[in-house]
Amino acid sequence: MADAPPPTRSRSFLCTPLASLVLGGLLLADVLTLPAESTAGAFVHEHLRPEIHCDAIRPPMAYLVNEGGALRLASFDDPVAHAYRSGQSDPEVHRAILTCEPGVISTGFWAITRTSFDHTMVVRRRADEPLPDEELAKARELFAPFAVELGVTPEMGGLLSQDDGRASLVRWEGYLRNAGSLVVGLGLLASLRWVVR
């Protein structure tokens, strides 16, 4: 009866304690860095890393002001914004307060594979009448890049500059991470054959 062929070098390396240690370390690092929004990540963050919290996007807010016939945005610290808050509002100067509450919802079992968010620009005015269409269009053009500077993703900003609504996007990088995690997990299981030898 012929002897079995010797194991190949790659197969013999995979079935060693060193390979198990390396693959186990990779899988542990993957588990500990799972996003808190995923199903598995929520469990990890609650039971293994309770000190980690997910930072939500702060809703961007700006004042739309008309200065010398030109519209611009004023931040919270701007003197024009301070005048508005102190009750010295002039409807011809202080046109509106612009906000956007993204309401981001990220889902996935292991990694994040889908994200949905609101890209609606909310316009608040002390005057009863709505903003004229041309001012509203200019406000949207100014507010979208401003919101991106304050932490809204470029994808959100791009949609915010176009119209209002809610979007749902596939996160392909999440699927890539899932595939990588599966390969590492299967490799770890295969490497543990040295235990039963």
Protein backbone atom coordinates (compact mmCIF):
# COMPACT_ATOMS: atom_id res chain seq x y z
CA MET A 1 0.00 0.00 0.00
CA ALA A 2 1.46 3.39 -1.07
CA ASP A 3 2.24 5.96 1.54
CA ALA A 4 0.12 9.11 1.68
CA PRO A 5 1.77 12.11 0.03
CA PRO A 6 3.39 14.54 2.46
CA PRO A 7 1.30 17.59 3.30
CA THR A 8 2.00 20.65 1.24
CA ARG A 9 3.86 23.51 2.88
CA SER A 10 0.83 25.84 2.90
CA ARG A 11 -1.43 23.15 4.37
CA SER A 12 1.09 22.24 7.06
CA PHE A 13 1.50 25.92 8.04
CA LEU A 14 -2.27 26.40 8.29
CA CYS A 15 -2.60 23.53 10.78
CA THR A 16 -0.21 24.96 13.37
CA PRO A 17 -0.67 26.76 16.69
CA LEU A 18 0.97 29.86 15.19
CA ALA A 19 -1.61 30.02 12.39
CA SER A 20 -4.42 29.56 14.91
CA LEU A 21 -2.97 32.34 17.06
CA VAL A 22 -2.65 34.76 14.12
CA LEU A 23 -6.11 34.01 12.72
CA GLY A 24 -7.67 34.10 16.18
CA GLY A 25 -6.06 37.50 16.82
CA LEU A 26 -7.39 38.82 13.51
CA LEU A 27 -10.89 37.56 14.28
CA LEU A 28 -10.79 39.04 17.80
CA ALA A 29 -9.70 42.42 16.42
CA ASP A 30 -12.51 42.21 13.88
CA VAL A 31 -15.07 41.45 16.61
CA LEU A 32 -13.85 44.25 18.87
CA THR A 33 -14.06 46.82 16.07
CA LEU A 34 -17.56 45.93 14.88
CA PRO A 35 -19.80 49.00 14.51
CA ALA A 36 -22.24 49.42 17.40
CA GLU A 37 -25.13 49.76 14.93
CA SER A 38 -24.85 46.18 13.64
CA THR A 39 -26.58 43.30 15.43
CA ALA A 40 -23.37 41.57 16.45
CA GLY A 41 -21.68 44.90 17.17
CA ALA A 42 -24.47 45.97 19.52
CA PHE A 43 -23.96 42.78 21.55
CA VAL A 44 -20.18 43.32 21.67
CA HIS A 45 -20.49 46.98 22.69
CA GLU A 46 -23.05 46.18 25.37
CA HIS A 47 -21.27 43.19 26.93
CA LEU A 48 -17.58 43.45 26.03
CA ARG A 49 -16.95 47.17 25.48
CA PRO A 50 -19.60 49.10 27.42
CA GLU A 51 -17.44 52.23 27.55
CA ILE A 52 -17.69 52.70 23.77
CA HIS A 53 -20.51 54.88 22.53
CA CYS A 54 -21.58 55.66 19.00
CA ASP A 55 -21.20 59.33 18.11
CA ALA A 56 -24.32 60.50 16.35
CA ILE A 57 -24.17 63.27 13.77
CA ARG A 58 -25.04 66.62 15.33
CA PRO A 59 -27.80 68.28 13.32
CA PRO A 60 -26.30 71.16 11.33
CA MET A 61 -27.95 74.55 11.81
CA ALA A 62 -27.33 77.94 10.19
CA TYR A 63 -28.99 81.32 9.86
CA LEU A 64 -29.86 82.51 6.36
CA VAL A 65 -29.27 86.26 6.20
CA ASN A 66 -29.59 88.88 3.49
CA GLU A 67 -26.80 91.43 3.54
CA GLY A 68 -26.83 94.09 0.84
CA GLY A 69 -29.03 91.96 -1.41
CA ALA A 70 -26.80 88.86 -1.17
CA LEU A 71 -27.73 85.77 0.79
CA ARG A 72 -25.18 84.10 3.08
CA LEU A 73 -25.16 81.67 5.97
CA ALA A 74 -24.34 82.79 9.50
CA SER A 75 -23.14 80.33 12.12
CA PHE A 76 -24.28 80.36 15.74
CA ASP A 77 -21.42 82.66 16.81
CA ASP A 78 -21.96 85.21 14.06
CA PRO A 79 -23.02 88.70 15.33
CA VAL A 80 -26.00 88.64 12.94
CA ALA A 81 -27.14 85.36 14.49
CA HIS A 82 -26.65 86.80 17.98
CA ALA A 83 -28.82 89.80 17.04
CA TYR A 84 -31.55 87.43 15.87
CA ARG A 85 -31.49 85.46 19.13
CA SER A 86 -31.57 88.63 21.22
CA GLY A 87 -34.84 89.68 19.57
CA GLN A 88 -33.44 92.25 17.14
CA SER A 89 -34.62 90.33 14.12
CA ASP A 90 -35.38 92.12 10.87
CA PRO A 91 -37.35 89.92 8.46
CA GLU A 92 -35.55 91.54 5.53
CA VAL A 93 -32.15 90.59 6.98
CA HIS A 94 -32.89 87.46 8.99
CA ARG A 95 -34.54 85.33 6.34
CA ALA A 96 -34.68 81.90 8.03
CA ILE A 97 -33.06 79.29 10.23
CA LEU A 98 -31.96 76.22 8.27
CA THR A 99 -31.56 72.81 9.86
CA CYS A 100 -31.32 69.19 8.82
CA GLU A 101 -31.79 66.18 11.08
CA PRO A 102 -30.25 63.25 9.21
CA GLY A 103 -31.76 60.54 11.43
CA VAL A 104 -29.14 58.04 10.26
CA ILE A 105 -30.09 54.37 10.58
CA SER A 106 -27.35 51.83 9.86
CA THR A 107 -28.13 48.12 9.70
CA GLY A 108 -26.36 44.82 9.17
CA PHE A 109 -25.73 41.63 11.13
CA TRP A 110 -21.91 41.73 11.25
CA ALA A 111 -20.77 44.83 9.37
CA ILE A 112 -22.96 47.72 8.22
CA THR A 113 -24.48 46.80 4.85
CA ARG A 114 -27.18 49.49 4.54
CA THR A 115 -27.55 53.08 5.70
CA SER A 116 -30.64 55.23 5.45
CA PHE A 117 -30.88 58.93 6.28
CA ASP A 118 -33.05 61.99 5.88
CA HIS A 119 -31.80 64.73 3.54
CA THR A 120 -34.59 67.24 4.19
CA MET A 121 -33.65 70.88 4.74
CA VAL A 122 -35.99 72.34 7.36
CA VAL A 123 -36.70 76.06 6.99
CA ARG A 124 -37.93 77.96 10.06
CA ARG A 125 -39.07 81.57 9.81
CA ARG A 126 -40.59 84.13 12.15
CA ALA A 127 -42.43 85.63 9.21
CA ASP A 128 -45.62 83.89 8.18
CA GLU A 129 -44.90 83.63 4.46
CA PRO A 130 -42.55 80.93 3.08
CA LEU A 131 -39.23 81.77 1.48
CA PRO A 132 -39.48 82.75 -2.20
CA ASP A 133 -38.43 79.93 -4.53
CA GLU A 134 -35.24 81.64 -5.67
CA GLU A 135 -34.16 82.22 -2.05
CA LEU A 136 -35.00 78.63 -1.17
CA ALA A 137 -32.85 77.35 -4.04
CA LYS A 138 -29.95 79.57 -2.98
CA ALA A 139 -30.38 78.49 0.64
CA ARG A 140 -30.13 74.84 -0.40
CA GLU A 141 -27.03 75.57 -2.49
CA LEU A 142 -25.35 77.27 0.50
CA PHE A 143 -26.53 74.87 3.20
CA ALA A 144 -25.45 71.55 1.65
CA PRO A 145 -21.66 72.20 1.76
CA PHE A 146 -22.07 73.87 5.16
CA ALA A 147 -23.71 70.69 6.49
CA VAL A 148 -20.86 68.57 5.08
CA GLU A 149 -18.34 70.76 6.94
CA LEU A 150 -20.26 70.03 10.16
CA GLY A 151 -20.09 66.25 9.76
CA VAL A 152 -22.80 65.25 7.30
CA THR A 153 -21.36 62.80 4.76
CA PRO A 154 -20.70 63.99 1.19
CA GLU A 155 -23.40 61.56 0.02
CA MET A 156 -25.93 63.26 2.31
CA GLY A 157 -24.70 66.68 1.24
CA GLY A 158 -25.09 65.81 -2.43
CA LEU A 159 -28.68 64.71 -1.96
CA LEU A 160 -29.42 67.63 0.37
CA SER A 161 -28.33 70.05 -2.37
CA GLN A 162 -30.87 68.54 -4.77
CA ASP A 163 -34.12 68.00 -2.89
CA ASP A 164 -35.77 66.72 0.27
CA GLY A 165 -36.46 63.10 1.14
CA ARG A 166 -35.04 59.93 2.66
CA ALA A 167 -32.39 57.80 1.00
CA SER A 168 -31.22 54.24 1.55
CA LEU A 169 -27.74 53.27 0.38
CA VAL A 170 -26.02 49.89 0.13
CA ARG A 171 -22.66 49.79 1.93
CA TRP A 172 -20.53 47.54 -0.26
CA GLU A 173 -17.56 47.91 2.10
CA GLY A 174 -19.73 46.14 4.69
CA TYR A 175 -20.18 43.16 2.37
CA LEU A 176 -16.41 43.11 1.77
CA ARG A 177 -15.78 43.08 5.51
CA ASN A 178 -18.31 40.28 5.96
CA ALA A 179 -16.54 38.21 3.29
CA GLY A 180 -13.13 38.86 4.87
CA SER A 181 -14.43 37.95 8.33
CA LEU A 182 -15.91 34.72 6.96
CA VAL A 183 -12.60 33.76 5.30
CA VAL A 184 -10.68 34.43 8.53
CA GLY A 185 -13.24 32.47 10.57
CA LEU A 186 -13.11 29.47 8.25
CA GLY A 187 -9.32 29.65 8.23
CA LEU A 188 -9.28 29.62 12.02
CA LEU A 189 -11.51 26.53 12.12
CA ALA A 190 -9.30 24.78 9.57
CA SER A 191 -6.16 25.71 11.51
CA LEU A 192 -7.47 24.03 14.68
CA ARG A 193 -6.95 20.58 13.18
CA TRP A 194 -3.60 20.45 14.98
CA VAL A 195 -5.55 20.18 18.25
CA VAL A 196 -7.10 16.81 17.37
CA ARG A 197 -3.93 15.30 15.90
